[in-house]
């Protein structure tokens, strides 16, 4: 009787583990789909941001009416919502990194 109960517990444990594996595989597939959707959304947002960046710089002019060169300037958004166009050499390191990311999007 003890051996029979032991075998039954072992079978129950195996069935529970198989059910857990099945649930985890389903969850994994769901997470893969979600990851794919998030990646697509991120890429769309990056494309929109890149388009906006180009649109802004295509409309900007300096004091003499010449177009502002996006290779020499960066867009800076402050914490209070103000937006500035500043020379790259004055930009903080994190702004330069952001600009490098934007340039990679252009390629």
PDB file of N, CA and C in Angstrom:
ATOM      1  N   UNK A   1       0.840  -1.187   0.000  1.00  0.00           N
ATOM      2  CA  UNK A   1       0.000   0.000   0.000  1.00  0.00           C
ATOM      3  C   UNK A   1       0.885   1.251   0.000  1.00  0.00           C
ATOM      4  N   UNK A   2       1.955   1.235   0.787  1.00  0.00           N
ATOM      5  CA  UNK A   2       2.853   2.394   0.840  1.00  0.00           C
ATOM      6  C   UNK A   2       3.509   2.626  -0.518  1.00  0.00           C
ATOM      7  N   UNK A   3       3.907   1.548  -1.179  1.00  0.00           N
ATOM      8  CA  UNK A   3       4.526   1.672  -2.502  1.00  0.00           C
ATOM      9  C   UNK A   3       3.522   2.213  -3.506  1.00  0.00           C
ATOM     10  N   UNK A   4       2.264   1.759  -3.402  1.00  0.00           N
ATOM     11  CA  UNK A   4       1.211   2.214  -4.299  1.00  0.00           C
ATOM     12  C   UNK A   4       0.964   3.723  -4.105  1.00  0.00           C
ATOM     13  N   UNK A   5       0.929   4.184  -2.860  1.00  0.00           N
ATOM     14  CA  UNK A   5       0.732   5.606  -2.582  1.00  0.00           C
ATOM     15  C   UNK A   5       1.918   6.415  -3.104  1.00  0.00           C
ATOM     16  N   UNK A   6       3.110   5.868  -2.957  1.00  0.00           N
ATOM     17  CA  UNK A   6       4.318   6.543  -3.431  1.00  0.00           C
ATOM     18  C   UNK A   6       4.280   6.705  -4.952  1.00  0.00           C
ATOM     19  N   UNK A   7       3.883   5.627  -5.664  1.00  0.00           N
ATOM     20  CA  UNK A   7       3.759   5.692  -7.123  1.00  0.00           C
ATOM     21  C   UNK A   7       2.700   6.716  -7.537  1.00  0.00           C
ATOM     22  N   UNK A   8       1.597   6.765  -6.784  1.00  0.00           N
ATOM     23  CA  UNK A   8       0.518   7.712  -7.097  1.00  0.00           C
ATOM     24  C   UNK A   8       1.013   9.154  -6.902  1.00  0.00           C
ATOM     25  N   UNK A   9       1.735   9.414  -5.809  1.00  0.00           N
ATOM     26  CA  UNK A   9       2.280  10.759  -5.588  1.00  0.00           C
ATOM     27  C   UNK A   9       3.269  11.130  -6.698  1.00  0.00           C
ATOM     28  N   UNK A  10       4.075  10.167  -7.091  1.00  0.00           N
ATOM     29  CA  UNK A  10       5.050  10.400  -8.151  1.00  0.00           C
ATOM     30  C   UNK A  10       4.334  10.727  -9.455  1.00  0.00           C
ATOM     31  N   UNK A  11       3.291  10.001  -9.806  1.00  0.00           N
ATOM     32  CA  UNK A  11       2.518  10.272 -11.025  1.00  0.00           C
ATOM     33  C   UNK A  11       1.858  11.642 -10.956  1.00  0.00           C
ATOM     34  N   UNK A  12       1.306  11.965  -9.798  1.00  0.00           N
ATOM     35  CA  UNK A  12       0.691  13.281  -9.632  1.00  0.00           C
ATOM     36  C   UNK A  12       1.730  14.401  -9.799  1.00  0.00           C
ATOM     37  N   UNK A  13       2.899  14.188  -9.234  1.00  0.00           N
ATOM     38  CA  UNK A  13       3.964  15.182  -9.362  1.00  0.00           C
ATOM     39  C   UNK A  13       4.371  15.339 -10.821  1.00  0.00           C
ATOM     40  N   UNK A  14       4.495  14.240 -11.547  1.00  0.00           N
ATOM     41  CA  UNK A  14       4.848  14.282 -12.965  1.00  0.00           C
ATOM     42  C   UNK A  14       3.771  15.006 -13.763  1.00  0.00           C
ATOM     43  N   UNK A  15       2.501  14.699 -13.488  1.00  0.00           N
ATOM     44  CA  UNK A  15       1.399  15.359 -14.197  1.00  0.00           C
ATOM     45  C   UNK A  15       1.392  16.868 -13.920  1.00  0.00           C
ATOM     46  N   UNK A  16       1.628  17.223 -12.649  1.00  0.00           N
ATOM     47  CA  UNK A  16       1.680  18.646 -12.297  1.00  0.00           C
ATOM     48  C   UNK A  16       2.833  19.351 -13.006  1.00  0.00           C
ATOM     49  N   UNK A  17       3.988  18.684 -13.067  1.00  0.00           N
ATOM     50  CA  UNK A  17       5.137  19.275 -13.754  1.00  0.00           C
ATOM     51  C   UNK A  17       4.879  19.407 -15.254  1.00  0.00           C
ATOM     52  N   UNK A  18       4.241  18.398 -15.852  1.00  0.00           N
ATOM     53  CA  UNK A  18       3.907  18.486 -17.280  1.00  0.00           C
ATOM     54  C   UNK A  18       2.938  19.635 -17.546  1.00  0.00           C
ATOM     55  N   UNK A  19       2.002  19.821 -16.640  1.00  0.00           N
ATOM     56  CA  UNK A  19       1.052  20.929 -16.775  1.00  0.00           C
ATOM     57  C   UNK A  19       1.774  22.275 -16.642  1.00  0.00           C
ATOM     58  N   UNK A  20       2.707  22.339 -15.690  1.00  0.00           N
ATOM     59  CA  UNK A  20       3.499  23.561 -15.522  1.00  0.00           C
ATOM     60  C   UNK A  20       4.313  23.874 -16.778  1.00  0.00           C
ATOM     61  N   UNK A  21       4.922  22.842 -17.362  1.00  0.00           N
ATOM     62  CA  UNK A  21       5.705  23.025 -18.587  1.00  0.00           C
ATOM     63  C   UNK A  21       4.816  23.550 -19.711  1.00  0.00           C
ATOM     64  N   UNK A  22       3.647  22.986 -19.839  1.00  0.00           N
ATOM     65  CA  UNK A  22       2.703  23.430 -20.869  1.00  0.00           C
ATOM     66  C   UNK A  22       2.305  24.890 -20.652  1.00  0.00           C
ATOM     67  N   UNK A  23       2.002  25.239 -19.418  1.00  0.00           N
ATOM     68  CA  UNK A  23       1.636  26.627 -19.095  1.00  0.00           C
ATOM     69  C   UNK A  23       2.787  27.587 -19.373  1.00  0.00           C
ATOM     70  N   UNK A  24       3.996  27.178 -19.033  1.00  0.00           N
ATOM     71  CA  UNK A  24       5.160  28.026 -19.267  1.00  0.00           C
ATOM     72  C   UNK A  24       5.433  28.196 -20.764  1.00  0.00           C
ATOM     73  N   UNK A  25       5.214  27.134 -21.546  1.00  0.00           N
ATOM     74  CA  UNK A  25       5.396  27.249 -22.992  1.00  0.00           C
ATOM     75  C   UNK A  25       4.376  28.213 -23.593  1.00  0.00           C
ATOM     76  N   UNK A  26       3.156  28.153 -23.116  1.00  0.00           N
ATOM     77  CA  UNK A  26       2.115  29.074 -23.576  1.00  0.00           C
ATOM     78  C   UNK A  26       2.481  30.510 -23.200  1.00  0.00           C
ATOM     79  N   UNK A  27       2.940  30.682 -21.968  1.00  0.00           N
ATOM     80  CA  UNK A  27       3.346  32.010 -21.504  1.00  0.00           C
ATOM     81  C   UNK A  27       4.533  32.523 -22.323  1.00  0.00           C
ATOM     82  N   UNK A  28       5.466  31.640 -22.639  1.00  0.00           N
ATOM     83  CA  UNK A  28       6.637  32.015 -23.436  1.00  0.00           C
ATOM     84  C   UNK A  28       6.201  32.510 -24.811  1.00  0.00           C
ATOM     85  N   UNK A  29       5.299  31.806 -25.457  1.00  0.00           N
ATOM     86  CA  UNK A  29       4.808  32.221 -26.774  1.00  0.00           C
ATOM     87  C   UNK A  29       4.094  33.571 -26.688  1.00  0.00           C
ATOM     88  N   UNK A  30       3.323  33.750 -25.651  1.00  0.00           N
ATOM     89  CA  UNK A  30       2.630  35.015 -25.448  1.00  0.00           C
ATOM     90  C   UNK A  30       3.626  36.157 -25.266  1.00  0.00           C
ATOM     91  N   UNK A  31       4.662  35.924 -24.489  1.00  0.00           N
ATOM     92  CA  UNK A  31       5.683  36.940 -24.269  1.00  0.00           C
ATOM     93  C   UNK A  31       6.468  37.237 -25.543  1.00  0.00           C
ATOM     94  N   UNK A  32       6.698  36.222 -26.359  1.00  0.00           N
ATOM     95  CA  UNK A  32       7.377  36.433 -27.646  1.00  0.00           C
ATOM     96  C   UNK A  32       6.545  37.337 -28.547  1.00  0.00           C
ATOM     97  N   UNK A  33       5.242  37.099 -28.595  1.00  0.00           N
ATOM     98  CA  UNK A  33       4.352  37.928 -29.403  1.00  0.00           C
ATOM     99  C   UNK A  33       4.344  39.360 -28.883  1.00  0.00           C
ATOM    100  N   UNK A  34       4.273  39.506 -27.568  1.00  0.00           N
ATOM    101  CA  UNK A  34       4.271  40.837 -26.962  1.00  0.00           C
ATOM    102  C   UNK A  34       5.589  41.559 -27.257  1.00  0.00           C
ATOM    103  N   UNK A  35       6.697  40.852 -27.166  1.00  0.00           N
ATOM    104  CA  UNK A  35       8.006  41.425 -27.458  1.00  0.00           C
ATOM    105  C   UNK A  35       8.066  41.887 -28.908  1.00  0.00           C
ATOM    106  N   UNK A  36       7.551  41.074 -29.795  1.00  0.00           N
ATOM    107  CA  UNK A  36       7.541  41.429 -31.209  1.00  0.00           C
ATOM    108  C   UNK A  36       6.706  42.683 -31.455  1.00  0.00           C
ATOM    109  N   UNK A  37       5.544  42.756 -30.824  1.00  0.00           N
ATOM    110  CA  UNK A  37       4.682  43.928 -30.977  1.00  0.00           C
ATOM    111  C   UNK A  37       5.360  45.174 -30.402  1.00  0.00           C
ATOM    112  N   UNK A  38       6.015  45.024 -29.261  1.00  0.00           N
ATOM    113  CA  UNK A  38       6.720  46.159 -28.654  1.00  0.00           C
ATOM    114  C   UNK A  38       7.866  46.622 -29.556  1.00  0.00           C
ATOM    115  N   UNK A  39       8.595  45.687 -30.132  1.00  0.00           N
ATOM    116  CA  UNK A  39       9.689  46.036 -31.037  1.00  0.00           C
ATOM    117  C   UNK A  39       9.169  46.797 -32.251  1.00  0.00           C
ATOM    118  N   UNK A  40       8.056  46.344 -32.799  1.00  0.00           N
ATOM    119  CA  UNK A  40       7.463  47.037 -33.945  1.00  0.00           C
ATOM    120  C   UNK A  40       7.035  48.442 -33.551  1.00  0.00           C
ATOM    121  N   UNK A  41       6.427  48.577 -32.378  1.00  0.00           N
ATOM    122  CA  UNK A  41       5.999  49.891 -31.906  1.00  0.00           C
ATOM    123  C   UNK A  41       7.194  50.811 -31.706  1.00  0.00           C
ATOM    124  N   UNK A  42       8.253  50.294 -31.128  1.00  0.00           N
ATOM    125  CA  UNK A  42       9.458  51.092 -30.908  1.00  0.00           C
ATOM    126  C   UNK A  42      10.026  51.557 -32.241  1.00  0.00           C
ATOM    127  N   UNK A  43      10.084  50.662 -33.220  1.00  0.00           N
ATOM    128  CA  UNK A  43      10.608  51.035 -34.534  1.00  0.00           C
ATOM    129  C   UNK A  43       9.740  52.098 -35.192  1.00  0.00           C
ATOM    130  N   UNK A  44       8.431  51.987 -35.056  1.00  0.00           N
ATOM    131  CA  UNK A  44       7.537  52.997 -35.622  1.00  0.00           C
ATOM    132  C   UNK A  44       7.754  54.350 -34.946  1.00  0.00           C
ATOM    133  N   UNK A  45       7.903  54.335 -33.630  1.00  0.00           N
ATOM    134  CA  UNK A  45       8.136  55.577 -32.893  1.00  0.00           C
ATOM    135  C   UNK A  45       9.480  56.180 -33.303  1.00  0.00           C
ATOM    136  N   UNK A  46      10.495  55.347 -33.474  1.00  0.00           N
ATOM    137  CA  UNK A  46      11.802  55.841 -33.906  1.00  0.00           C
ATOM    138  C   UNK A  46      11.702  56.482 -35.289  1.00  0.00           C
ATOM    139  N   UNK A  47      10.954  55.855 -36.190  1.00  0.00           N
ATOM    140  CA  UNK A  47      10.783  56.420 -37.530  1.00  0.00           C
ATOM    141  C   UNK A  47      10.054  57.750 -37.472  1.00  0.00           C
ATOM    142  N   UNK A  48       9.023  57.831 -36.639  1.00  0.00           N
ATOM    143  CA  UNK A  48       8.284  59.089 -36.493  1.00  0.00           C
ATOM    144  C   UNK A  48       9.163  60.174 -35.895  1.00  0.00           C
ATOM    145  N   UNK A  49       9.964  59.819 -34.891  1.00  0.00           N
ATOM    146  CA  UNK A  49      10.868  60.766 -34.262  1.00  0.00           C
ATOM    147  C   UNK A  49      11.909  61.258 -35.267  1.00  0.00           C
ATOM    148  N   UNK A  50      12.452  60.346 -36.039  1.00  0.00           N
ATOM    149  CA  UNK A  50      13.431  60.703 -37.053  1.00  0.00           C
ATOM    150  C   UNK A  50      12.808  61.631 -38.092  1.00  0.00           C
ATOM    151  N   UNK A  51      11.602  61.332 -38.499  1.00  0.00           N
ATOM    152  CA  UNK A  51      10.892  62.170 -39.459  1.00  0.00           C
ATOM    153  C   UNK A  51      10.642  63.565 -38.880  1.00  0.00           C
ATOM    154  N   UNK A  52      10.227  63.621 -37.628  1.00  0.00           N
ATOM    155  CA  UNK A  52       9.991  64.893 -36.954  1.00  0.00           C
ATOM    156  C   UNK A  52      11.293  65.681 -36.843  1.00  0.00           C
ATOM    157  N   UNK A  53      12.366  65.006 -36.484  1.00  0.00           N
ATOM    158  CA  UNK A  53      13.675  65.634 -36.368  1.00  0.00           C
ATOM    159  C   UNK A  53      14.070  66.280 -37.695  1.00  0.00           C
ATOM    160  N   UNK A  54      13.925  65.537 -38.785  1.00  0.00           N
ATOM    161  CA  UNK A  54      14.257  66.071 -40.109  1.00  0.00           C
ATOM    162  C   UNK A  54      13.332  67.220 -40.489  1.00  0.00           C
ATOM    163  N   UNK A  55      12.067  67.081 -40.174  1.00  0.00           N
ATOM    164  CA  UNK A  55      11.100  68.130 -40.491  1.00  0.00           C
ATOM    165  C   UNK A  55      11.447  69.420 -39.750  1.00  0.00           C
ATOM    166  N   UNK A  56      11.788  69.292 -38.479  1.00  0.00           N
ATOM    167  CA  UNK A  56      12.146  70.476 -37.690  1.00  0.00           C
ATOM    168  C   UNK A  56      13.365  71.156 -38.292  1.00  0.00           C
ATOM    169  N   UNK A  57      14.413  70.382 -38.574  1.00  0.00           N
ATOM    170  CA  UNK A  57      15.632  70.984 -39.102  1.00  0.00           C
ATOM    171  C   UNK A  57      15.445  71.515 -40.524  1.00  0.00           C
ATOM    172  N   UNK A  58      14.547  70.957 -41.281  1.00  0.00           N
ATOM    173  CA  UNK A  58      14.318  71.481 -42.635  1.00  0.00           C
ATOM    174  C   UNK A  58      13.655  72.854 -42.595  1.00  0.00           C
ATOM    175  N   UNK A  59      12.983  73.175 -41.505  1.00  0.00           N
ATOM    176  CA  UNK A  59      12.287  74.458 -41.378  1.00  0.00           C
ATOM    177  C   UNK A  59      13.094  75.516 -40.626  1.00  0.00           C
ATOM    178  N   UNK A  60      14.115  75.107 -39.919  1.00  0.00           N
ATOM    179  CA  UNK A  60      14.894  76.052 -39.122  1.00  0.00           C
ATOM    180  C   UNK A  60      15.850  76.860 -39.982  1.00  0.00           C
ATOM    181  N   UNK A  61      16.002  78.130 -39.626  1.00  0.00           N
ATOM    182  CA  UNK A  61      16.922  79.031 -40.323  1.00  0.00           C
ATOM    183  C   UNK A  61      17.734  79.803 -39.284  1.00  0.00           C
ATOM    184  N   UNK A  62      18.977  80.126 -39.633  1.00  0.00           N
ATOM    185  CA  UNK A  62      19.795  80.932 -38.732  1.00  0.00           C
ATOM    186  C   UNK A  62      19.483  82.415 -38.942  1.00  0.00           C
ATOM    187  N   UNK A  63      20.262  83.278 -38.322  1.00  0.00           N
ATOM    188  CA  UNK A  63      20.013  84.719 -38.397  1.00  0.00           C
ATOM    189  C   UNK A  63      20.095  85.274 -39.825  1.00  0.00           C
ATOM    190  N   UNK A  64      20.898  84.638 -40.672  1.00  0.00           N
ATOM    191  CA  UNK A  64      21.037  85.090 -42.058  1.00  0.00           C
ATOM    192  C   UNK A  64      20.050  84.400 -43.005  1.00  0.00           C
ATOM    193  N   UNK A  65      19.171  83.565 -42.460  1.00  0.00           N
ATOM    194  CA  UNK A  65      18.173  82.885 -43.285  1.00  0.00           C
ATOM    195  C   UNK A  65      18.650  81.580 -43.903  1.00  0.00           C
ATOM    196  N   UNK A  66      19.824  81.142 -43.525  1.00  0.00           N
ATOM    197  CA  UNK A  66      20.352  79.878 -44.050  1.00  0.00           C
ATOM    198  C   UNK A  66      19.799  78.713 -43.228  1.00  0.00           C
ATOM    199  N   UNK A  67      19.652  77.545 -43.866  1.00  0.00           N
ATOM    200  CA  UNK A  67      19.171  76.372 -43.112  1.00  0.00           C
ATOM    201  C   UNK A  67      20.156  75.997 -42.005  1.00  0.00           C
ATOM    202  N   UNK A  68      19.622  75.547 -40.887  1.00  0.00           N
ATOM    203  CA  UNK A  68      20.447  75.095 -39.762  1.00  0.00           C
ATOM    204  C   UNK A  68      20.925  73.681 -40.072  1.00  0.00           C
ATOM    205  N   UNK A  69      22.220  73.464 -39.909  1.00  0.00           N
ATOM    206  CA  UNK A  69      22.818  72.166 -40.219  1.00  0.00           C
ATOM    207  C   UNK A  69      22.593  71.191 -39.060  1.00  0.00           C
ATOM    208  N   UNK A  70      21.849  70.094 -39.287  1.00  0.00           N
ATOM    209  CA  UNK A  70      21.593  69.135 -38.195  1.00  0.00           C
ATOM    210  C   UNK A  70      22.849  68.406 -37.727  1.00  0.00           C
ATOM    211  N   UNK A  71      23.929  68.483 -38.503  1.00  0.00           N
ATOM    212  CA  UNK A  71      25.183  67.858 -38.078  1.00  0.00           C
ATOM    213  C   UNK A  71      25.934  68.738 -37.083  1.00  0.00           C
ATOM    214  N   UNK A  72      25.567  70.011 -37.017  1.00  0.00           N
ATOM    215  CA  UNK A  72      26.243  70.934 -36.111  1.00  0.00           C
ATOM    216  C   UNK A  72      25.406  71.286 -34.887  1.00  0.00           C
ATOM    217  N   UNK A  73      24.105  70.995 -34.925  1.00  0.00           N
ATOM    218  CA  UNK A  73      23.210  71.367 -33.837  1.00  0.00           C
ATOM    219  C   UNK A  73      22.386  70.168 -33.376  1.00  0.00           C
ATOM    220  N   UNK A  74      21.918  70.253 -32.158  1.00  0.00           N
ATOM    221  CA  UNK A  74      21.031  69.222 -31.604  1.00  0.00           C
ATOM    222  C   UNK A  74      19.800  69.884 -31.005  1.00  0.00           C
ATOM    223  N   UNK A  75      18.739  69.126 -30.926  1.00  0.00           N
ATOM    224  CA  UNK A  75      17.513  69.594 -30.293  1.00  0.00           C
ATOM    225  C   UNK A  75      17.585  69.207 -28.827  1.00  0.00           C
ATOM    226  N   UNK A  76      17.350  70.171 -27.954  1.00  0.00           N
ATOM    227  CA  UNK A  76      17.391  69.910 -26.516  1.00  0.00           C
ATOM    228  C   UNK A  76      16.035  70.266 -25.911  1.00  0.00           C
ATOM    229  N   UNK A  77      15.459  69.325 -25.202  1.00  0.00           N
ATOM    230  CA  UNK A  77      14.195  69.559 -24.495  1.00  0.00           C
ATOM    231  C   UNK A  77      14.501  69.622 -23.007  1.00  0.00           C
ATOM    232  N   UNK A  78      14.143  70.740 -22.378  1.00  0.00           N
ATOM    233  CA  UNK A  78      14.411  70.880 -20.950  1.00  0.00           C
ATOM    234  C   UNK A  78      13.272  70.267 -20.144  1.00  0.00           C
ATOM    235  N   UNK A  79      13.492  70.153 -18.859  1.00  0.00           N
ATOM    236  CA  UNK A  79      12.503  69.521 -17.983  1.00  0.00           C
ATOM    237  C   UNK A  79      11.219  70.335 -17.862  1.00  0.00           C
ATOM    238  N   UNK A  80      11.289  71.639 -18.155  1.00  0.00           N
ATOM    239  CA  UNK A  80      10.075  72.460 -18.062  1.00  0.00           C
ATOM    240  C   UNK A  80       9.297  72.508 -19.380  1.00  0.00           C
ATOM    241  N   UNK A  81       9.743  71.738 -20.384  1.00  0.00           N
ATOM    242  CA  UNK A  81       9.028  71.669 -21.652  1.00  0.00           C
ATOM    243  C   UNK A  81       9.574  72.590 -22.724  1.00  0.00           C
ATOM    244  N   UNK A  82      10.585  73.403 -22.397  1.00  0.00           N
ATOM    245  CA  UNK A  82      11.191  74.287 -23.384  1.00  0.00           C
ATOM    246  C   UNK A  82      12.053  73.481 -24.345  1.00  0.00           C
ATOM    247  N   UNK A  83      12.073  73.918 -25.607  1.00  0.00           N
ATOM    248  CA  UNK A  83      12.870  73.248 -26.634  1.00  0.00           C
ATOM    249  C   UNK A  83      13.892  74.245 -27.167  1.00  0.00           C
ATOM    250  N   UNK A  84      15.151  73.805 -27.243  1.00  0.00           N
ATOM    251  CA  UNK A  84      16.229  74.649 -27.723  1.00  0.00           C
ATOM    252  C   UNK A  84      16.996  73.928 -28.817  1.00  0.00           C
ATOM    253  N   UNK A  85      17.576  74.711 -29.710  1.00  0.00           N
ATOM    254  CA  UNK A  85      18.517  74.187 -30.692  1.00  0.00           C
ATOM    255  C   UNK A  85      19.877  74.707 -30.239  1.00  0.00           C
ATOM    256  N   UNK A  86      20.779  73.784 -29.897  1.00  0.00           N
ATOM    257  CA  UNK A  86      22.079  74.194 -29.375  1.00  0.00           C
ATOM    258  C   UNK A  86      23.193  73.551 -30.192  1.00  0.00           C
ATOM    259  N   UNK A  87      24.356  74.220 -30.266  1.00  0.00           N
ATOM    260  CA  UNK A  87      25.495  73.616 -30.976  1.00  0.00           C
ATOM    261  C   UNK A  87      25.899  72.300 -30.310  1.00  0.00           C
ATOM    262  N   UNK A  88      26.320  71.364 -31.129  1.00  0.00           N
ATOM    263  CA  UNK A  88      26.689  70.046 -30.598  1.00  0.00           C
ATOM    264  C   UNK A  88      27.808  70.126 -29.575  1.00  0.00           C
ATOM    265  N   UNK A  89      28.770  71.017 -29.789  1.00  0.00           N
ATOM    266  CA  UNK A  89      29.907  71.077 -28.863  1.00  0.00           C
ATOM    267  C   UNK A  89      29.496  71.571 -27.479  1.00  0.00           C
ATOM    268  N   UNK A  90      28.310  72.178 -27.364  1.00  0.00           N
ATOM    269  CA  UNK A  90      27.813  72.612 -26.056  1.00  0.00           C
ATOM    270  C   UNK A  90      26.872  71.587 -25.421  1.00  0.00           C
ATOM    271  N   UNK A  91      26.522  70.571 -26.182  1.00  0.00           N
ATOM    272  CA  UNK A  91      25.577  69.569 -25.684  1.00  0.00           C
ATOM    273  C   UNK A  91      26.241  68.686 -24.634  1.00  0.00           C
ATOM    274  N   UNK A  92      25.458  68.257 -23.667  1.00  0.00           N
ATOM    275  CA  UNK A  92      25.945  67.344 -22.636  1.00  0.00           C
ATOM    276  C   UNK A  92      26.185  65.972 -23.271  1.00  0.00           C
ATOM    277  N   UNK A  93      27.014  65.129 -22.653  1.00  0.00           N
ATOM    278  CA  UNK A  93      27.304  63.808 -23.224  1.00  0.00           C
ATOM    279  C   UNK A  93      26.058  62.979 -23.527  1.00  0.00           C
ATOM    280  N   UNK A  94      25.043  62.994 -22.640  1.00  0.00           N
ATOM    281  CA  UNK A  94      23.850  62.178 -22.900  1.00  0.00           C
ATOM    282  C   UNK A  94      23.077  62.700 -24.102  1.00  0.00           C
ATOM    283  N   UNK A  95      23.139  64.019 -24.354  1.00  0.00           N
ATOM    284  CA  UNK A  95      22.479  64.581 -25.526  1.00  0.00           C
ATOM    285  C   UNK A  95      23.207  64.139 -26.783  1.00  0.00           C
ATOM    286  N   UNK A  96      24.532  64.084 -26.725  1.00  0.00           N
ATOM    287  CA  UNK A  96      25.306  63.635 -27.874  1.00  0.00           C
ATOM    288  C   UNK A  96      24.993  62.177 -28.180  1.00  0.00           C
ATOM    289  N   UNK A  97      24.830  61.361 -27.138  1.00  0.00           N
ATOM    290  CA  UNK A  97      24.477  59.955 -27.350  1.00  0.00           C
ATOM    291  C   UNK A  97      23.111  59.846 -27.997  1.00  0.00           C
ATOM    292  N   UNK A  98      22.152  60.651 -27.530  1.00  0.00           N
ATOM    293  CA  UNK A  98      20.821  60.642 -28.125  1.00  0.00           C
ATOM    294  C   UNK A  98      20.893  61.029 -29.592  1.00  0.00           C
ATOM    295  N   UNK A  99      21.725  62.005 -29.903  1.00  0.00           N
ATOM    296  CA  UNK A  99      21.858  62.449 -31.276  1.00  0.00           C
ATOM    297  C   UNK A  99      22.496  61.361 -32.132  1.00  0.00           C
ATOM    298  N   UNK A 100      23.468  60.631 -31.579  1.00  0.00           N
ATOM    299  CA  UNK A 100      24.072  59.519 -32.310  1.00  0.00           C
ATOM    300  C   UNK A 100      23.023  58.458 -32.633  1.00  0.00           C
ATOM    301  N   UNK A 101      22.135  58.203 -31.683  1.00  0.00           N
ATOM    302  CA  UNK A 101      21.061  57.239 -31.922  1.00  0.00           C
ATOM    303  C   UNK A 101      20.181  57.727 -33.058  1.00  0.00           C
ATOM    304  N   UNK A 102      19.883  59.037 -33.077  1.00  0.00           N
ATOM    305  CA  UNK A 102      19.051  59.594 -34.128  1.00  0.00           C
ATOM    306  C   UNK A 102      19.755  59.467 -35.468  1.00  0.00           C
ATOM    307  N   UNK A 103      21.073  59.675 -35.511  1.00  0.00           N
ATOM    308  CA  UNK A 103      21.806  59.550 -36.754  1.00  0.00           C
ATOM    309  C   UNK A 103      21.789  58.110 -37.241  1.00  0.00           C
ATOM    310  N   UNK A 104      21.860  57.141 -36.336  1.00  0.00           N
ATOM    311  CA  UNK A 104      21.786  55.741 -36.730  1.00  0.00           C
ATOM    312  C   UNK A 104      20.435  55.440 -37.364  1.00  0.00           C
ATOM    313  N   UNK A 105      19.388  56.092 -36.885  1.00  0.00           N
ATOM    314  CA  UNK A 105      18.066  55.890 -37.460  1.00  0.00           C
ATOM    315  C   UNK A 105      18.013  56.377 -38.894  1.00  0.00           C
ATOM    316  N   UNK A 106      18.794  57.415 -39.214  1.00  0.00           N
ATOM    317  CA  UNK A 106      18.797  57.973 -40.549  1.00  0.00           C
ATOM    318  C   UNK A 106      19.348  56.981 -41.556  1.00  0.00           C
ATOM    319  N   UNK A 107      20.262  56.124 -41.134  1.00  0.00           N
ATOM    320  CA  UNK A 107      20.931  55.215 -42.055  1.00  0.00           C
ATOM    321  C   UNK A 107      20.092  54.049 -42.446  1.00  0.00           C
TER     322      UNK A 107
END
